[in-house]
């Protein structure tokens, strides 16, 4: 309200697992998440 900057806090991350079935086949399953603490 005073025209000053208010930094926004965030946290995030991901994890991914890659499995090699054979010399020619492979797969990855993964998930990620983001959250912001906005001054609403």
ModelCIF file with pLDDT and N, C-alpha, C, O atoms, coordinates in Angstrom:
data_MODEL
#
_entry.id   MODEL 
#
_entity.id                         1 
_entity.type                       polymer 
_entity.pdbx_number_of_molecules   1 
#
_entity_poly.entity_id                      1 
_entity_poly.type                           'polypeptide(L)' 
_entity_poly.nstd_linkage                   no 
_entity_poly.nstd_monomer                   no 
_entity_poly.pdbx_seq_one_letter_code       
;(UNK)(UNK)(UNK)(UNK)(UNK)(UNK)(UNK)(UNK)(UNK)(UNK)(UNK)(UNK)(UNK)(UNK)(UNK)(UNK)
(UNK)(UNK)(UNK)(UNK)(UNK)(UNK)(UNK)(UNK)(UNK)(UNK)(UNK)(UNK)(UNK)(UNK)(UNK)(UNK)
(UNK)(UNK)(UNK)(UNK)(UNK)(UNK)(UNK)(UNK)
;
_entity_poly.pdbx_seq_one_letter_code_can   XXXXXXXXXXXXXXXXXXXXXXXXXXXXXXXXXXXXXXXX 
_entity_poly.pdbx_strand_id                 A 
#
loop_
_entity_poly_seq.entity_id 
_entity_poly_seq.num 
_entity_poly_seq.mon_id 
_entity_poly_seq.hetero 
1 1  UNK n 
1 2  UNK n 
1 3  UNK n 
1 4  UNK n 
1 5  UNK n 
1 6  UNK n 
1 7  UNK n 
1 8  UNK n 
1 9  UNK n 
1 10 UNK n 
1 11 UNK n 
1 12 UNK n 
1 13 UNK n 
1 14 UNK n 
1 15 UNK n 
1 16 UNK n 
1 17 UNK n 
1 18 UNK n 
1 19 UNK n 
1 20 UNK n 
1 21 UNK n 
1 22 UNK n 
1 23 UNK n 
1 24 UNK n 
1 25 UNK n 
1 26 UNK n 
1 27 UNK n 
1 28 UNK n 
1 29 UNK n 
1 30 UNK n 
1 31 UNK n 
1 32 UNK n 
1 33 UNK n 
1 34 UNK n 
1 35 UNK n 
1 36 UNK n 
1 37 UNK n 
1 38 UNK n 
1 39 UNK n 
1 40 UNK n 
#
_struct_asym.id          A 
_struct_asym.entity_id   1 
#
loop_
_ma_qa_metric.id 
_ma_qa_metric.mode 
_ma_qa_metric.name 
_ma_qa_metric.software_group_id 
_ma_qa_metric.type 
1 global pLDDT . pLDDT 
2 local  pLDDT . pLDDT 
#
_ma_qa_metric_global.metric_id      1 
_ma_qa_metric_global.metric_value   96.88 
_ma_qa_metric_global.model_id       1 
_ma_qa_metric_global.ordinal_id     1 
#
loop_
_ma_qa_metric_local.label_asym_id 
_ma_qa_metric_local.label_comp_id 
_ma_qa_metric_local.label_seq_id 
_ma_qa_metric_local.metric_id 
_ma_qa_metric_local.metric_value 
_ma_qa_metric_local.model_id 
_ma_qa_metric_local.ordinal_id 
A UNK 1  2 89.00 1 1  
A UNK 2  2 91.00 1 2  
A UNK 3  2 91.00 1 3  
A UNK 4  2 94.00 1 4  
A UNK 5  2 96.00 1 5  
A UNK 6  2 97.00 1 6  
A UNK 7  2 98.00 1 7  
A UNK 8  2 98.00 1 8  
A UNK 9  2 98.00 1 9  
A UNK 10 2 98.00 1 10 
A UNK 11 2 97.00 1 11 
A UNK 12 2 98.00 1 12 
A UNK 13 2 98.00 1 13 
A UNK 14 2 98.00 1 14 
A UNK 15 2 98.00 1 15 
A UNK 16 2 98.00 1 16 
A UNK 17 2 98.00 1 17 
A UNK 18 2 98.00 1 18 
A UNK 19 2 98.00 1 19 
A UNK 20 2 98.00 1 20 
A UNK 21 2 98.00 1 21 
A UNK 22 2 97.00 1 22 
A UNK 23 2 96.00 1 23 
A UNK 24 2 97.00 1 24 
A UNK 25 2 98.00 1 25 
A UNK 26 2 98.00 1 26 
A UNK 27 2 98.00 1 27 
A UNK 28 2 98.00 1 28 
A UNK 29 2 98.00 1 29 
A UNK 30 2 98.00 1 30 
A UNK 31 2 98.00 1 31 
A UNK 32 2 98.00 1 32 
A UNK 33 2 98.00 1 33 
A UNK 34 2 98.00 1 34 
A UNK 35 2 98.00 1 35 
A UNK 36 2 98.00 1 36 
A UNK 37 2 97.00 1 37 
A UNK 38 2 96.00 1 38 
A UNK 39 2 95.00 1 39 
A UNK 40 2 94.00 1 40 
#
loop_
_atom_site.group_PDB 
_atom_site.id 
_atom_site.type_symbol 
_atom_site.label_atom_id 
_atom_site.label_alt_id 
_atom_site.label_comp_id 
_atom_site.label_asym_id 
_atom_site.label_entity_id 
_atom_site.label_seq_id 
_atom_site.pdbx_PDB_ins_code 
_atom_site.Cartn_x 
_atom_site.Cartn_y 
_atom_site.Cartn_z 
_atom_site.occupancy 
_atom_site.B_iso_or_equiv 
_atom_site.pdbx_formal_charge 
_atom_site.auth_seq_id 
_atom_site.auth_comp_id 
_atom_site.auth_asym_id 
_atom_site.auth_atom_id 
_atom_site.pdbx_PDB_model_num 
ATOM 1   N N  . UNK A 1 1  ? 0.804  -1.216  0.000   1.00 89.00 ? 1  UNK A N  1 
ATOM 2   C CA . UNK A 1 1  ? 0.000  0.000   0.000   1.00 89.00 ? 1  UNK A CA 1 
ATOM 3   C C  . UNK A 1 1  ? 0.837  1.266   0.000   1.00 89.00 ? 1  UNK A C  1 
ATOM 4   O O  . UNK A 1 1  ? 0.350  2.325   -0.396  1.00 89.00 ? 1  UNK A O  1 
ATOM 5   N N  . UNK A 1 2  ? 2.078  1.177   0.434   1.00 91.00 ? 2  UNK A N  1 
ATOM 6   C CA . UNK A 1 2  ? 2.975  2.330   0.434   1.00 91.00 ? 2  UNK A CA 1 
ATOM 7   C C  . UNK A 1 2  ? 3.786  2.430   -0.857  1.00 91.00 ? 2  UNK A C  1 
ATOM 8   O O  . UNK A 1 2  ? 4.628  3.316   -1.003  1.00 91.00 ? 2  UNK A O  1 
ATOM 9   N N  . UNK A 1 3  ? 3.523  1.508   -1.795  1.00 91.00 ? 3  UNK A N  1 
ATOM 10  C CA . UNK A 1 3  ? 4.273  1.516   -3.050  1.00 91.00 ? 3  UNK A CA 1 
ATOM 11  C C  . UNK A 1 3  ? 5.633  0.841   -2.958  1.00 91.00 ? 3  UNK A C  1 
ATOM 12  O O  . UNK A 1 3  ? 6.482  1.025   -3.830  1.00 91.00 ? 3  UNK A O  1 
ATOM 13  N N  . UNK A 1 4  ? 5.841  0.064   -1.908  1.00 94.00 ? 4  UNK A N  1 
ATOM 14  C CA . UNK A 1 4  ? 7.105  -0.647  -1.744  1.00 94.00 ? 4  UNK A CA 1 
ATOM 15  C C  . UNK A 1 4  ? 6.967  -2.101  -2.184  1.00 94.00 ? 4  UNK A C  1 
ATOM 16  O O  . UNK A 1 4  ? 5.863  -2.640  -2.265  1.00 94.00 ? 4  UNK A O  1 
ATOM 17  N N  . UNK A 1 5  ? 8.101  -2.717  -2.464  1.00 96.00 ? 5  UNK A N  1 
ATOM 18  C CA . UNK A 1 5  ? 8.121  -4.103  -2.912  1.00 96.00 ? 5  UNK A CA 1 
ATOM 19  C C  . UNK A 1 5  ? 7.973  -5.067  -1.739  1.00 96.00 ? 5  UNK A C  1 
ATOM 20  O O  . UNK A 1 5  ? 8.614  -4.904  -0.701  1.00 96.00 ? 5  UNK A O  1 
ATOM 21  N N  . UNK A 1 6  ? 7.118  -6.074  -1.920  1.00 97.00 ? 6  UNK A N  1 
ATOM 22  C CA . UNK A 1 6  ? 6.924  -7.134  -0.939  1.00 97.00 ? 6  UNK A CA 1 
ATOM 23  C C  . UNK A 1 6  ? 7.229  -8.460  -1.625  1.00 97.00 ? 6  UNK A C  1 
ATOM 24  O O  . UNK A 1 6  ? 6.371  -8.990  -2.331  1.00 97.00 ? 6  UNK A O  1 
ATOM 25  N N  . UNK A 1 7  ? 8.457  -9.024  -1.434  1.00 98.00 ? 7  UNK A N  1 
ATOM 26  C CA . UNK A 1 7  ? 8.816  -10.276 -2.110  1.00 98.00 ? 7  UNK A CA 1 
ATOM 27  C C  . UNK A 1 7  ? 7.839  -11.404 -1.787  1.00 98.00 ? 7  UNK A C  1 
ATOM 28  O O  . UNK A 1 7  ? 7.315  -11.484 -0.676  1.00 98.00 ? 7  UNK A O  1 
ATOM 29  N N  . UNK A 1 8  ? 7.601  -12.272 -2.768  1.00 98.00 ? 8  UNK A N  1 
ATOM 30  C CA . UNK A 1 8  ? 6.669  -13.386 -2.633  1.00 98.00 ? 8  UNK A CA 1 
ATOM 31  C C  . UNK A 1 8  ? 7.453  -14.659 -2.338  1.00 98.00 ? 8  UNK A C  1 
ATOM 32  O O  . UNK A 1 8  ? 8.360  -15.034 -3.082  1.00 98.00 ? 8  UNK A O  1 
ATOM 33  N N  . UNK A 1 9  ? 7.088  -15.314 -1.240  1.00 98.00 ? 9  UNK A N  1 
ATOM 34  C CA . UNK A 1 9  ? 7.777  -16.537 -0.834  1.00 98.00 ? 9  UNK A CA 1 
ATOM 35  C C  . UNK A 1 9  ? 7.186  -17.725 -1.597  1.00 98.00 ? 9  UNK A C  1 
ATOM 36  O O  . UNK A 1 9  ? 5.970  -17.834 -1.755  1.00 98.00 ? 9  UNK A O  1 
ATOM 37  N N  . UNK A 1 10 ? 8.077  -18.623 -2.071  1.00 98.00 ? 10 UNK A N  1 
ATOM 38  C CA . UNK A 1 10 ? 7.629  -19.814 -2.806  1.00 98.00 ? 10 UNK A CA 1 
ATOM 39  C C  . UNK A 1 10 ? 8.452  -21.026 -2.383  1.00 98.00 ? 10 UNK A C  1 
ATOM 40  O O  . UNK A 1 10 ? 9.583  -20.899 -1.914  1.00 98.00 ? 10 UNK A O  1 
ATOM 41  N N  . UNK A 1 11 ? 7.861  -22.196 -2.559  1.00 97.00 ? 11 UNK A N  1 
ATOM 42  C CA . UNK A 1 11 ? 8.622  -23.435 -2.445  1.00 97.00 ? 11 UNK A CA 1 
ATOM 43  C C  . UNK A 1 11 ? 8.097  -24.427 -3.480  1.00 97.00 ? 11 UNK A C  1 
ATOM 44  O O  . UNK A 1 11 ? 6.913  -24.430 -3.817  1.00 97.00 ? 11 UNK A O  1 
ATOM 45  N N  . UNK A 1 12 ? 8.998  -25.261 -3.971  1.00 98.00 ? 12 UNK A N  1 
ATOM 46  C CA . UNK A 1 12 ? 8.648  -26.145 -5.074  1.00 98.00 ? 12 UNK A CA 1 
ATOM 47  C C  . UNK A 1 12 ? 9.616  -27.323 -5.119  1.00 98.00 ? 12 UNK A C  1 
ATOM 48  O O  . UNK A 1 12 ? 10.648 -27.325 -4.448  1.00 98.00 ? 12 UNK A O  1 
ATOM 49  N N  . UNK A 1 13 ? 9.261  -28.326 -5.927  1.00 98.00 ? 13 UNK A N  1 
ATOM 50  C CA . UNK A 1 13 ? 10.155 -29.467 -6.083  1.00 98.00 ? 13 UNK A CA 1 
ATOM 51  C C  . UNK A 1 13 ? 9.571  -30.523 -6.989  1.00 98.00 ? 13 UNK A C  1 
ATOM 52  O O  . UNK A 1 13 ? 8.396  -30.468 -7.352  1.00 98.00 ? 13 UNK A O  1 
ATOM 53  N N  . UNK A 1 14 ? 10.397 -31.485 -7.351  1.00 98.00 ? 14 UNK A N  1 
ATOM 54  C CA . UNK A 1 14 ? 9.928  -32.616 -8.148  1.00 98.00 ? 14 UNK A CA 1 
ATOM 55  C C  . UNK A 1 14 ? 10.746 -33.847 -7.805  1.00 98.00 ? 14 UNK A C  1 
ATOM 56  O O  . UNK A 1 14 ? 11.824 -33.756 -7.218  1.00 98.00 ? 14 UNK A O  1 
ATOM 57  N N  . UNK A 1 15 ? 10.209 -35.003 -8.185  1.00 98.00 ? 15 UNK A N  1 
ATOM 58  C CA . UNK A 1 15 ? 10.929 -36.273 -8.092  1.00 98.00 ? 15 UNK A CA 1 
ATOM 59  C C  . UNK A 1 15 ? 10.555 -37.100 -9.318  1.00 98.00 ? 15 UNK A C  1 
ATOM 60  O O  . UNK A 1 15 ? 9.412  -37.071 -9.774  1.00 98.00 ? 15 UNK A O  1 
ATOM 61  N N  . UNK A 1 16 ? 11.523 -37.833 -9.843  1.00 98.00 ? 16 UNK A N  1 
ATOM 62  C CA . UNK A 1 16 ? 11.289 -38.636 -11.042 1.00 98.00 ? 16 UNK A CA 1 
ATOM 63  C C  . UNK A 1 16 ? 12.087 -39.923 -10.949 1.00 98.00 ? 16 UNK A C  1 
ATOM 64  O O  . UNK A 1 16 ? 13.256 -39.923 -10.562 1.00 98.00 ? 16 UNK A O  1 
ATOM 65  N N  . UNK A 1 17 ? 11.435 -41.021 -11.313 1.00 98.00 ? 17 UNK A N  1 
ATOM 66  C CA . UNK A 1 17 ? 12.089 -42.333 -11.320 1.00 98.00 ? 17 UNK A CA 1 
ATOM 67  C C  . UNK A 1 17 ? 12.138 -42.847 -12.755 1.00 98.00 ? 17 UNK A C  1 
ATOM 68  O O  . UNK A 1 17 ? 11.110 -42.944 -13.426 1.00 98.00 ? 17 UNK A O  1 
ATOM 69  N N  . UNK A 1 18 ? 13.344 -43.175 -13.218 1.00 98.00 ? 18 UNK A N  1 
ATOM 70  C CA . UNK A 1 18 ? 13.498 -43.746 -14.565 1.00 98.00 ? 18 UNK A CA 1 
ATOM 71  C C  . UNK A 1 18 ? 13.895 -45.210 -14.447 1.00 98.00 ? 18 UNK A C  1 
ATOM 72  O O  . UNK A 1 18 ? 14.831 -45.571 -13.733 1.00 98.00 ? 18 UNK A O  1 
ATOM 73  N N  . UNK A 1 19 ? 13.152 -46.039 -15.172 1.00 98.00 ? 19 UNK A N  1 
ATOM 74  C CA . UNK A 1 19 ? 13.429 -47.471 -15.184 1.00 98.00 ? 19 UNK A CA 1 
ATOM 75  C C  . UNK A 1 19 ? 13.758 -47.903 -16.604 1.00 98.00 ? 19 UNK A C  1 
ATOM 76  O O  . UNK A 1 19 ? 13.038 -47.572 -17.546 1.00 98.00 ? 19 UNK A O  1 
ATOM 77  N N  . UNK A 1 20 ? 14.855 -48.647 -16.751 1.00 98.00 ? 20 UNK A N  1 
ATOM 78  C CA . UNK A 1 20 ? 15.272 -49.166 -18.048 1.00 98.00 ? 20 UNK A CA 1 
ATOM 79  C C  . UNK A 1 20 ? 14.818 -50.615 -18.141 1.00 98.00 ? 20 UNK A C  1 
ATOM 80  O O  . UNK A 1 20 ? 15.315 -51.478 -17.417 1.00 98.00 ? 20 UNK A O  1 
ATOM 81  N N  . UNK A 1 21 ? 13.867 -50.877 -19.038 1.00 98.00 ? 21 UNK A N  1 
ATOM 82  C CA . UNK A 1 21 ? 13.323 -52.216 -19.194 1.00 98.00 ? 21 UNK A CA 1 
ATOM 83  C C  . UNK A 1 21 ? 14.294 -53.122 -19.945 1.00 98.00 ? 21 UNK A C  1 
ATOM 84  O O  . UNK A 1 21 ? 14.443 -54.299 -19.620 1.00 98.00 ? 21 UNK A O  1 
ATOM 85  N N  . UNK A 1 22 ? 14.951 -52.553 -20.956 1.00 97.00 ? 22 UNK A N  1 
ATOM 86  C CA . UNK A 1 22 ? 15.912 -53.303 -21.753 1.00 97.00 ? 22 UNK A CA 1 
ATOM 87  C C  . UNK A 1 22 ? 16.791 -52.300 -22.483 1.00 97.00 ? 22 UNK A C  1 
ATOM 88  O O  . UNK A 1 22 ? 16.707 -51.098 -22.228 1.00 97.00 ? 22 UNK A O  1 
ATOM 89  N N  . UNK A 1 23 ? 17.623 -52.777 -23.377 1.00 96.00 ? 23 UNK A N  1 
ATOM 90  C CA . UNK A 1 23 ? 18.488 -51.877 -24.128 1.00 96.00 ? 23 UNK A CA 1 
ATOM 91  C C  . UNK A 1 23 ? 17.691 -50.915 -25.012 1.00 96.00 ? 23 UNK A C  1 
ATOM 92  O O  . UNK A 1 23 ? 18.202 -49.866 -25.404 1.00 96.00 ? 23 UNK A O  1 
ATOM 93  N N  . UNK A 1 24 ? 16.446 -51.266 -25.326 1.00 97.00 ? 24 UNK A N  1 
ATOM 94  C CA . UNK A 1 24 ? 15.656 -50.451 -26.242 1.00 97.00 ? 24 UNK A CA 1 
ATOM 95  C C  . UNK A 1 24 ? 14.427 -49.806 -25.621 1.00 97.00 ? 24 UNK A C  1 
ATOM 96  O O  . UNK A 1 24 ? 13.795 -48.954 -26.246 1.00 97.00 ? 24 UNK A O  1 
ATOM 97  N N  . UNK A 1 25 ? 14.079 -50.198 -24.403 1.00 98.00 ? 25 UNK A N  1 
ATOM 98  C CA . UNK A 1 25 ? 12.856 -49.673 -23.774 1.00 98.00 ? 25 UNK A CA 1 
ATOM 99  C C  . UNK A 1 25 ? 13.180 -49.069 -22.409 1.00 98.00 ? 25 UNK A C  1 
ATOM 100 O O  . UNK A 1 25 ? 13.961 -49.628 -21.639 1.00 98.00 ? 25 UNK A O  1 
ATOM 101 N N  . UNK A 1 26 ? 12.574 -47.931 -22.123 1.00 98.00 ? 26 UNK A N  1 
ATOM 102 C CA . UNK A 1 26 ? 12.726 -47.282 -20.819 1.00 98.00 ? 26 UNK A CA 1 
ATOM 103 C C  . UNK A 1 26 ? 11.485 -46.440 -20.518 1.00 98.00 ? 26 UNK A C  1 
ATOM 104 O O  . UNK A 1 26 ? 10.724 -46.088 -21.419 1.00 98.00 ? 26 UNK A O  1 
ATOM 105 N N  . UNK A 1 27 ? 11.295 -46.122 -19.228 1.00 98.00 ? 27 UNK A N  1 
ATOM 106 C CA . UNK A 1 27 ? 10.131 -45.345 -18.793 1.00 98.00 ? 27 UNK A CA 1 
ATOM 107 C C  . UNK A 1 27 ? 10.533 -44.383 -17.683 1.00 98.00 ? 27 UNK A C  1 
ATOM 108 O O  . UNK A 1 27 ? 11.496 -44.614 -16.952 1.00 98.00 ? 27 UNK A O  1 
ATOM 109 N N  . UNK A 1 28 ? 9.767  -43.296 -17.577 1.00 98.00 ? 28 UNK A N  1 
ATOM 110 C CA . UNK A 1 28 ? 9.924  -42.353 -16.470 1.00 98.00 ? 28 UNK A CA 1 
ATOM 111 C C  . UNK A 1 28 ? 8.550  -42.033 -15.904 1.00 98.00 ? 28 UNK A C  1 
ATOM 112 O O  . UNK A 1 28 ? 7.602  -41.771 -16.644 1.00 98.00 ? 28 UNK A O  1 
ATOM 113 N N  . UNK A 1 29 ? 8.457  -42.059 -14.577 1.00 98.00 ? 29 UNK A N  1 
ATOM 114 C CA . UNK A 1 29 ? 7.276  -41.537 -13.891 1.00 98.00 ? 29 UNK A CA 1 
ATOM 115 C C  . UNK A 1 29 ? 7.753  -40.390 -13.010 1.00 98.00 ? 29 UNK A C  1 
ATOM 116 O O  . UNK A 1 29 ? 8.803  -40.489 -12.375 1.00 98.00 ? 29 UNK A O  1 
ATOM 117 N N  . UNK A 1 30 ? 6.992  -39.307 -12.969 1.00 98.00 ? 30 UNK A N  1 
ATOM 118 C CA . UNK A 1 30 ? 7.457  -38.114 -12.260 1.00 98.00 ? 30 UNK A CA 1 
ATOM 119 C C  . UNK A 1 30 ? 6.283  -37.304 -11.746 1.00 98.00 ? 30 UNK A C  1 
ATOM 120 O O  . UNK A 1 30 ? 5.167  -37.395 -12.256 1.00 98.00 ? 30 UNK A O  1 
ATOM 121 N N  . UNK A 1 31 ? 6.563  -36.507 -10.721 1.00 98.00 ? 31 UNK A N  1 
ATOM 122 C CA . UNK A 1 31 ? 5.578  -35.589 -10.182 1.00 98.00 ? 31 UNK A CA 1 
ATOM 123 C C  . UNK A 1 31 ? 6.257  -34.347 -9.653  1.00 98.00 ? 31 UNK A C  1 
ATOM 124 O O  . UNK A 1 31 ? 7.396  -34.410 -9.191  1.00 98.00 ? 31 UNK A O  1 
ATOM 125 N N  . UNK A 1 32 ? 5.562  -33.200 -9.714  1.00 98.00 ? 32 UNK A N  1 
ATOM 126 C CA . UNK A 1 32 ? 6.143  -31.954 -9.221  1.00 98.00 ? 32 UNK A CA 1 
ATOM 127 C C  . UNK A 1 32 ? 5.065  -31.107 -8.544  1.00 98.00 ? 32 UNK A C  1 
ATOM 128 O O  . UNK A 1 32 ? 3.867  -31.308 -8.745  1.00 98.00 ? 32 UNK A O  1 
ATOM 129 N N  . UNK A 1 33 ? 5.536  -30.145 -7.731  1.00 98.00 ? 33 UNK A N  1 
ATOM 130 C CA . UNK A 1 33 ? 4.600  -29.322 -6.951  1.00 98.00 ? 33 UNK A CA 1 
ATOM 131 C C  . UNK A 1 33 ? 5.168  -27.919 -6.763  1.00 98.00 ? 33 UNK A C  1 
ATOM 132 O O  . UNK A 1 33 ? 6.374  -27.731 -6.606  1.00 98.00 ? 33 UNK A O  1 
ATOM 133 N N  . UNK A 1 34 ? 4.259  -26.936 -6.782  1.00 98.00 ? 34 UNK A N  1 
ATOM 134 C CA . UNK A 1 34 ? 4.626  -25.536 -6.548  1.00 98.00 ? 34 UNK A CA 1 
ATOM 135 C C  . UNK A 1 34 ? 3.596  -24.888 -5.633  1.00 98.00 ? 34 UNK A C  1 
ATOM 136 O O  . UNK A 1 34 ? 2.396  -25.137 -5.746  1.00 98.00 ? 34 UNK A O  1 
ATOM 137 N N  . UNK A 1 35 ? 4.092  -24.051 -4.722  1.00 98.00 ? 35 UNK A N  1 
ATOM 138 C CA . UNK A 1 35 ? 3.215  -23.319 -3.802  1.00 98.00 ? 35 UNK A CA 1 
ATOM 139 C C  . UNK A 1 35 ? 3.763  -21.915 -3.592  1.00 98.00 ? 35 UNK A C  1 
ATOM 140 O O  . UNK A 1 35 ? 4.962  -21.724 -3.391  1.00 98.00 ? 35 UNK A O  1 
ATOM 141 N N  . UNK A 1 36 ? 2.855  -20.926 -3.642  1.00 98.00 ? 36 UNK A N  1 
ATOM 142 C CA . UNK A 1 36 ? 3.237  -19.523 -3.424  1.00 98.00 ? 36 UNK A CA 1 
ATOM 143 C C  . UNK A 1 36 ? 2.508  -18.968 -2.222  1.00 98.00 ? 36 UNK A C  1 
ATOM 144 O O  . UNK A 1 36 ? 1.332  -19.262 -2.004  1.00 98.00 ? 36 UNK A O  1 
ATOM 145 N N  . UNK A 1 37 ? 3.216  -18.157 -1.436  1.00 97.00 ? 37 UNK A N  1 
ATOM 146 C CA . UNK A 1 37 ? 2.613  -17.451 -0.296  1.00 97.00 ? 37 UNK A CA 1 
ATOM 147 C C  . UNK A 1 37 ? 2.338  -16.013 -0.734  1.00 97.00 ? 37 UNK A C  1 
ATOM 148 O O  . UNK A 1 37 ? 3.045  -15.081 -0.350  1.00 97.00 ? 37 UNK A O  1 
ATOM 149 N N  . UNK A 1 38 ? 1.295  -15.859 -1.542  1.00 96.00 ? 38 UNK A N  1 
ATOM 150 C CA . UNK A 1 38 ? 0.980  -14.537 -2.082  1.00 96.00 ? 38 UNK A CA 1 
ATOM 151 C C  . UNK A 1 38 ? 0.385  -13.630 -1.005  1.00 96.00 ? 38 UNK A C  1 
ATOM 152 O O  . UNK A 1 38 ? -0.432 -14.084 -0.205  1.00 96.00 ? 38 UNK A O  1 
ATOM 153 N N  . UNK A 1 39 ? 0.781  -12.360 -0.972  1.00 95.00 ? 39 UNK A N  1 
ATOM 154 C CA . UNK A 1 39 ? 0.071  -11.387 -0.131  1.00 95.00 ? 39 UNK A CA 1 
ATOM 155 C C  . UNK A 1 39 ? -1.237 -10.994 -0.836  1.00 95.00 ? 39 UNK A C  1 
ATOM 156 O O  . UNK A 1 39 ? -1.279 -10.028 -1.599  1.00 95.00 ? 39 UNK A O  1 
ATOM 157 N N  . UNK A 1 40 ? -2.283 -11.749 -0.569  1.00 94.00 ? 40 UNK A N  1 
ATOM 158 C CA . UNK A 1 40 ? -3.520 -11.656 -1.352  1.00 94.00 ? 40 UNK A CA 1 
ATOM 159 C C  . UNK A 1 40 ? -4.115 -10.253 -1.317  1.00 94.00 ? 40 UNK A C  1 
ATOM 160 O O  . UNK A 1 40 ? -5.157 -10.009 -1.926  1.00 94.00 ? 40 UNK A O  1 
#
